[in-house]
Amino acid sequence: MIWNSEWEYNNQDYLKAKYEKKVSGECPDLAVRKIYCKGCGRVFYTQIETKKYCLYSLCGNRGYQKELKWRRKYARQDRTCQTCGNTFTPKRSDAKFCCNACRQKACRGSVTNKASCQVDNLE
């Protein structure tokens, strides 16, 4: 049994000819459309209205990961570093510091503060 998407993948020349007839106005009612695969980026002709990938088993996961990475990138907002006060774009969703030096400085400061509090309690 062959699925529609596999048939389309193997018969791109036929679908391209039908698409060109549609565009030229010879057969304007044909349901063929031209898409760019979201996984590999190549031109693909399809009759399936909701199709995004040339072949889901090849490009489906790759395209989903690209889209997810893009959405996460644009969802990130600039933040202010807790140590130096500079504005930065985080690479992670839980970033609090602009660089390793600021992160280390904050860690050393908290360790020093905890140690000084313990000394005060002993007196």
N, C-alpha and C. Protein backbone atom coordinates (compact mmCIF):
# COMPACT_ATOMS: atom_id res chain seq x y z
N MET A 1 0.84 -1.18 0.00
CA MET A 1 0.00 0.00 0.00
C MET A 1 0.89 1.25 0.00
N ILE A 2 0.61 2.15 -0.88
CA ILE A 2 1.41 3.38 -0.97
C ILE A 2 0.54 4.56 -0.50
N TRP A 3 1.12 5.39 0.31
CA TRP A 3 0.41 6.55 0.84
C TRP A 3 0.47 7.70 -0.16
N ASN A 4 -0.46 8.64 -0.04
CA ASN A 4 -0.50 9.78 -0.96
C ASN A 4 0.81 10.56 -0.95
N SER A 5 1.38 10.78 0.24
CA SER A 5 2.60 11.57 0.34
C SER A 5 3.77 10.86 -0.36
N GLU A 6 3.84 9.54 -0.25
CA GLU A 6 4.90 8.79 -0.93
C GLU A 6 4.72 8.86 -2.44
N TRP A 7 3.48 8.76 -2.90
CA TRP A 7 3.20 8.86 -4.33
C TRP A 7 3.62 10.22 -4.84
N GLU A 8 3.27 11.29 -4.10
CA GLU A 8 3.64 12.65 -4.51
C GLU A 8 5.16 12.80 -4.55
N TYR A 9 5.83 12.22 -3.57
CA TYR A 9 7.29 12.31 -3.51
C TYR A 9 7.93 11.66 -4.75
N ASN A 10 7.34 10.57 -5.21
CA ASN A 10 7.89 9.85 -6.36
C ASN A 10 7.43 10.40 -7.71
N ASN A 11 6.41 11.25 -7.75
CA ASN A 11 5.83 11.74 -9.01
C ASN A 11 5.86 13.28 -9.09
N GLN A 12 6.95 13.88 -8.75
CA GLN A 12 7.07 15.33 -8.75
C GLN A 12 6.99 15.93 -10.16
N ASP A 13 7.51 15.24 -11.16
CA ASP A 13 7.46 15.75 -12.54
C ASP A 13 6.01 15.88 -13.01
N TYR A 14 5.21 14.88 -12.73
CA TYR A 14 3.79 14.89 -13.10
C TYR A 14 3.06 16.04 -12.41
N LEU A 15 3.30 16.20 -11.11
CA LEU A 15 2.64 17.27 -10.35
C LEU A 15 3.11 18.65 -10.79
N LYS A 16 4.38 18.77 -11.16
CA LYS A 16 4.91 20.05 -11.64
C LYS A 16 4.21 20.44 -12.95
N ALA A 17 4.00 19.48 -13.83
CA ALA A 17 3.32 19.75 -15.10
C ALA A 17 1.88 20.21 -14.84
N LYS A 18 1.21 19.56 -13.88
CA LYS A 18 -0.16 19.95 -13.53
C LYS A 18 -0.17 21.36 -12.93
N TYR A 19 0.83 21.67 -12.11
CA TYR A 19 0.92 23.01 -11.49
C TYR A 19 1.12 24.08 -12.57
N GLU A 20 1.98 23.80 -13.54
CA GLU A 20 2.22 24.77 -14.62
C GLU A 20 0.97 25.00 -15.46
N LYS A 21 0.15 23.95 -15.65
CA LYS A 21 -1.14 24.12 -16.35
C LYS A 21 -2.07 25.01 -15.53
N LYS A 22 -2.04 24.84 -14.22
CA LYS A 22 -2.89 25.66 -13.34
C LYS A 22 -2.48 27.12 -13.40
N VAL A 23 -1.18 27.39 -13.32
CA VAL A 23 -0.66 28.75 -13.32
C VAL A 23 -0.89 29.44 -14.67
N SER A 24 -0.75 28.69 -15.74
CA SER A 24 -0.95 29.28 -17.07
C SER A 24 -2.41 29.60 -17.36
N GLY A 25 -3.32 29.05 -16.58
CA GLY A 25 -4.74 29.31 -16.78
C GLY A 25 -5.43 28.26 -17.62
N GLU A 26 -4.69 27.26 -18.06
CA GLU A 26 -5.25 26.19 -18.88
C GLU A 26 -6.25 25.35 -18.08
N CYS A 27 -5.89 25.03 -16.84
CA CYS A 27 -6.77 24.27 -15.92
C CYS A 27 -6.72 24.95 -14.55
N PRO A 28 -7.41 26.06 -14.35
CA PRO A 28 -7.28 26.83 -13.10
C PRO A 28 -7.89 26.15 -11.87
N ASP A 29 -8.68 25.10 -12.06
CA ASP A 29 -9.34 24.45 -10.93
C ASP A 29 -8.53 23.31 -10.31
N LEU A 30 -7.34 23.04 -10.80
CA LEU A 30 -6.53 21.97 -10.24
C LEU A 30 -6.10 22.31 -8.80
N ALA A 31 -6.01 21.28 -7.98
CA ALA A 31 -5.70 21.48 -6.56
C ALA A 31 -4.20 21.38 -6.26
N VAL A 32 -3.35 21.48 -7.25
CA VAL A 32 -1.91 21.35 -7.05
C VAL A 32 -1.36 22.70 -6.59
N ARG A 33 -0.44 22.65 -5.62
CA ARG A 33 0.21 23.87 -5.15
C ARG A 33 1.70 23.64 -4.99
N LYS A 34 2.43 24.73 -5.02
CA LYS A 34 3.89 24.69 -4.90
C LYS A 34 4.25 25.13 -3.49
N ILE A 35 5.08 24.34 -2.80
CA ILE A 35 5.51 24.70 -1.46
C ILE A 35 7.03 24.57 -1.37
N TYR A 36 7.57 25.19 -0.32
CA TYR A 36 8.98 25.00 0.02
C TYR A 36 9.00 24.16 1.29
N CYS A 37 9.66 23.03 1.24
CA CYS A 37 9.70 22.11 2.36
C CYS A 37 10.32 22.81 3.57
N LYS A 38 9.65 22.73 4.72
CA LYS A 38 10.15 23.38 5.93
C LYS A 38 11.31 22.62 6.56
N GLY A 39 11.58 21.41 6.09
CA GLY A 39 12.69 20.63 6.61
C GLY A 39 13.97 20.84 5.82
N CYS A 40 13.88 20.67 4.49
CA CYS A 40 15.09 20.75 3.66
C CYS A 40 15.12 22.00 2.78
N GLY A 41 13.97 22.68 2.62
CA GLY A 41 13.94 23.93 1.88
C GLY A 41 13.77 23.79 0.37
N ARG A 42 13.63 22.58 -0.13
CA ARG A 42 13.52 22.43 -1.58
C ARG A 42 12.09 22.66 -2.05
N VAL A 43 11.93 22.97 -3.34
CA VAL A 43 10.62 23.19 -3.94
C VAL A 43 9.93 21.84 -4.08
N PHE A 44 8.63 21.84 -3.77
CA PHE A 44 7.87 20.61 -3.78
C PHE A 44 6.46 20.90 -4.26
N TYR A 45 5.87 20.01 -5.03
CA TYR A 45 4.51 20.16 -5.55
C TYR A 45 3.61 19.15 -4.86
N THR A 46 2.45 19.60 -4.42
CA THR A 46 1.56 18.72 -3.67
C THR A 46 0.09 19.02 -3.95
N GLN A 47 -0.75 18.02 -3.73
CA GLN A 47 -2.20 18.17 -3.81
C GLN A 47 -2.81 18.20 -2.42
N ILE A 48 -2.03 17.90 -1.40
CA ILE A 48 -2.51 17.86 -0.02
C ILE A 48 -2.45 19.27 0.55
N GLU A 49 -3.59 19.76 1.02
CA GLU A 49 -3.71 21.17 1.42
C GLU A 49 -2.88 21.53 2.66
N THR A 50 -2.72 20.60 3.59
CA THR A 50 -2.04 20.91 4.85
C THR A 50 -0.57 20.52 4.86
N LYS A 51 -0.05 20.11 3.75
CA LYS A 51 1.32 19.58 3.70
C LYS A 51 2.37 20.68 3.89
N LYS A 52 3.41 20.39 4.71
CA LYS A 52 4.50 21.33 4.97
C LYS A 52 5.86 20.77 4.56
N TYR A 53 5.97 19.45 4.46
CA TYR A 53 7.25 18.79 4.21
C TYR A 53 7.16 17.95 2.95
N CYS A 54 8.30 17.77 2.27
CA CYS A 54 8.29 16.95 1.06
C CYS A 54 7.96 15.50 1.40
N LEU A 55 8.55 14.95 2.42
CA LEU A 55 8.21 13.62 2.91
C LEU A 55 8.41 13.65 4.42
N TYR A 56 7.35 13.43 5.16
CA TYR A 56 7.39 13.61 6.61
C TYR A 56 8.47 12.76 7.27
N SER A 57 8.66 11.54 6.80
CA SER A 57 9.66 10.67 7.42
C SER A 57 11.08 11.21 7.24
N LEU A 58 11.31 12.01 6.20
CA LEU A 58 12.64 12.58 5.96
C LEU A 58 12.82 13.94 6.63
N CYS A 59 11.85 14.82 6.47
CA CYS A 59 12.02 16.22 6.86
C CYS A 59 11.12 16.66 8.01
N GLY A 60 10.21 15.83 8.46
CA GLY A 60 9.26 16.24 9.49
C GLY A 60 9.91 16.68 10.78
N ASN A 61 10.76 15.84 11.35
CA ASN A 61 11.40 16.17 12.62
C ASN A 61 12.38 17.33 12.46
N ARG A 62 13.12 17.34 11.38
CA ARG A 62 14.09 18.41 11.12
C ARG A 62 13.39 19.76 11.02
N GLY A 63 12.28 19.80 10.30
CA GLY A 63 11.51 21.04 10.14
C GLY A 63 10.90 21.49 11.44
N TYR A 64 10.39 20.55 12.24
CA TYR A 64 9.81 20.89 13.53
C TYR A 64 10.87 21.49 14.44
N GLN A 65 12.06 20.91 14.46
CA GLN A 65 13.14 21.41 15.31
C GLN A 65 13.57 22.81 14.87
N LYS A 66 13.63 23.07 13.55
CA LYS A 66 13.98 24.40 13.06
C LYS A 66 12.96 25.43 13.51
N GLU A 67 11.68 25.08 13.38
CA GLU A 67 10.62 26.00 13.77
C GLU A 67 10.63 26.26 15.27
N LEU A 68 10.86 25.23 16.06
CA LEU A 68 10.92 25.36 17.51
C LEU A 68 12.08 26.26 17.92
N LYS A 69 13.23 26.07 17.30
CA LYS A 69 14.40 26.91 17.59
C LYS A 69 14.12 28.37 17.25
N TRP A 70 13.47 28.61 16.11
CA TRP A 70 13.14 29.96 15.69
C TRP A 70 12.17 30.61 16.67
N ARG A 71 11.12 29.86 17.09
CA ARG A 71 10.14 30.42 18.04
C ARG A 71 10.78 30.75 19.37
N ARG A 72 11.67 29.87 19.85
CA ARG A 72 12.34 30.13 21.13
C ARG A 72 13.27 31.34 21.04
N LYS A 73 13.93 31.49 19.90
CA LYS A 73 14.84 32.62 19.71
C LYS A 73 14.10 33.94 19.78
N TYR A 74 12.96 34.02 19.13
CA TYR A 74 12.20 35.27 19.11
C TYR A 74 11.36 35.48 20.37
N ALA A 75 11.19 34.43 21.17
CA ALA A 75 10.45 34.57 22.42
C ALA A 75 11.34 35.14 23.53
N ARG A 76 12.65 35.00 23.39
CA ARG A 76 13.57 35.52 24.42
C ARG A 76 13.55 37.03 24.43
N GLN A 77 13.57 37.59 25.61
CA GLN A 77 13.59 39.05 25.76
C GLN A 77 14.88 39.46 26.45
N ASP A 78 15.29 40.70 26.22
CA ASP A 78 16.49 41.20 26.88
C ASP A 78 16.27 41.26 28.39
N ARG A 79 17.34 40.97 29.13
CA ARG A 79 17.29 41.01 30.60
C ARG A 79 18.42 41.86 31.12
N THR A 80 18.37 42.17 32.39
CA THR A 80 19.40 42.94 33.05
C THR A 80 20.21 42.00 33.93
N CYS A 81 21.53 42.09 33.82
CA CYS A 81 22.43 41.25 34.61
C CYS A 81 22.30 41.63 36.09
N GLN A 82 22.20 40.62 36.96
CA GLN A 82 22.03 40.88 38.39
C GLN A 82 23.31 41.39 39.05
N THR A 83 24.45 41.20 38.42
CA THR A 83 25.71 41.63 39.00
C THR A 83 26.14 43.01 38.51
N CYS A 84 26.25 43.18 37.18
CA CYS A 84 26.79 44.43 36.65
C CYS A 84 25.70 45.40 36.16
N GLY A 85 24.48 44.92 35.94
CA GLY A 85 23.40 45.79 35.50
C GLY A 85 23.32 46.00 33.99
N ASN A 86 24.17 45.35 33.22
CA ASN A 86 24.13 45.47 31.75
C ASN A 86 22.94 44.70 31.19
N THR A 87 22.42 45.18 30.05
CA THR A 87 21.33 44.49 29.37
C THR A 87 21.94 43.44 28.43
N PHE A 88 21.34 42.23 28.41
CA PHE A 88 21.85 41.16 27.56
C PHE A 88 20.70 40.30 27.07
N THR A 89 20.93 39.58 25.97
CA THR A 89 19.95 38.63 25.44
C THR A 89 20.37 37.25 25.91
N PRO A 90 19.54 36.58 26.72
CA PRO A 90 19.95 35.28 27.28
C PRO A 90 19.95 34.17 26.23
N LYS A 91 20.84 33.23 26.40
CA LYS A 91 20.87 32.05 25.53
C LYS A 91 20.03 30.93 26.13
N ARG A 92 19.72 31.06 27.42
CA ARG A 92 18.88 30.08 28.11
C ARG A 92 17.70 30.80 28.74
N SER A 93 16.65 30.08 29.01
CA SER A 93 15.45 30.70 29.58
C SER A 93 15.64 31.08 31.05
N ASP A 94 16.61 30.47 31.74
CA ASP A 94 16.80 30.76 33.16
C ASP A 94 18.07 31.57 33.46
N ALA A 95 18.64 32.24 32.46
CA ALA A 95 19.88 33.01 32.64
C ALA A 95 19.63 34.25 33.48
N LYS A 96 20.54 34.51 34.43
CA LYS A 96 20.44 35.68 35.30
C LYS A 96 21.62 36.63 35.13
N PHE A 97 22.69 36.11 34.55
CA PHE A 97 23.93 36.90 34.42
C PHE A 97 24.35 36.97 32.96
N CYS A 98 25.03 38.06 32.59
CA CYS A 98 25.42 38.26 31.19
C CYS A 98 26.62 37.42 30.78
N CYS A 99 27.48 37.04 31.72
CA CYS A 99 28.67 36.26 31.37
C CYS A 99 29.10 35.42 32.57
N ASN A 100 30.08 34.56 32.32
CA ASN A 100 30.59 33.70 33.39
C ASN A 100 31.27 34.50 34.50
N ALA A 101 31.92 35.59 34.15
CA ALA A 101 32.61 36.40 35.16
C ALA A 101 31.61 36.98 36.16
N CYS A 102 30.48 37.48 35.67
CA CYS A 102 29.45 38.03 36.57
C CYS A 102 28.83 36.93 37.42
N ARG A 103 28.62 35.77 36.82
CA ARG A 103 28.05 34.65 37.57
C ARG A 103 28.98 34.22 38.70
N GLN A 104 30.27 34.17 38.38
CA GLN A 104 31.26 33.76 39.38
C GLN A 104 31.39 34.82 40.47
N LYS A 105 31.35 36.08 40.09
CA LYS A 105 31.43 37.19 41.06
C LYS A 105 30.26 37.14 42.04
N ALA A 106 29.07 36.87 41.53
CA ALA A 106 27.89 36.77 42.38
C ALA A 106 28.00 35.58 43.33
N CYS A 107 28.50 34.47 42.82
CA CYS A 107 28.65 33.27 43.65
C CYS A 107 29.66 33.51 44.76
N ARG A 108 30.78 34.12 44.42
CA ARG A 108 31.80 34.42 45.44
C ARG A 108 31.28 35.41 46.47
N GLY A 109 30.49 36.36 46.02
CA GLY A 109 29.92 37.34 46.94
C GLY A 109 28.96 36.69 47.92
N SER A 110 28.15 35.75 47.45
CA SER A 110 27.19 35.10 48.35
C SER A 110 27.90 34.19 49.33
N VAL A 111 28.99 33.53 48.90
CA VAL A 111 29.76 32.67 49.80
C VAL A 111 30.42 33.53 50.88
N THR A 112 30.96 34.70 50.51
CA THR A 112 31.61 35.60 51.46
C THR A 112 30.59 36.14 52.46
N ASN A 113 29.40 36.49 51.99
CA ASN A 113 28.35 36.99 52.88
C ASN A 113 27.92 35.92 53.87
N LYS A 114 27.79 34.68 53.42
CA LYS A 114 27.39 33.60 54.32
C LYS A 114 28.47 33.35 55.37
N ALA A 115 29.73 33.42 54.99
CA ALA A 115 30.83 33.19 55.92
C ALA A 115 30.89 34.30 56.96
N SER A 116 30.67 35.55 56.55
CA SER A 116 30.72 36.67 57.51
C SER A 116 29.56 36.61 58.50
N CYS A 117 28.40 36.10 58.06
CA CYS A 117 27.27 35.95 58.96
C CYS A 117 27.56 34.89 60.02
N GLN A 118 28.25 33.84 59.65
CA GLN A 118 28.57 32.79 60.60
C GLN A 118 29.56 33.29 61.65
N VAL A 119 30.49 34.14 61.25
CA VAL A 119 31.47 34.69 62.20
C VAL A 119 30.77 35.58 63.21
N ASP A 120 29.80 36.40 62.74
CA ASP A 120 29.08 37.29 63.63
C ASP A 120 28.26 36.50 64.66
N ASN A 121 27.76 35.36 64.28
CA ASN A 121 26.94 34.55 65.19
C ASN A 121 27.79 33.91 66.28
N LEU A 122 29.07 33.66 66.01
CA LEU A 122 29.95 33.02 66.98
C LEU A 122 30.37 33.96 68.08
N GLU A 123 30.39 35.27 67.84
CA GLU A 123 30.86 36.22 68.83
C GLU A 123 29.88 36.48 69.93
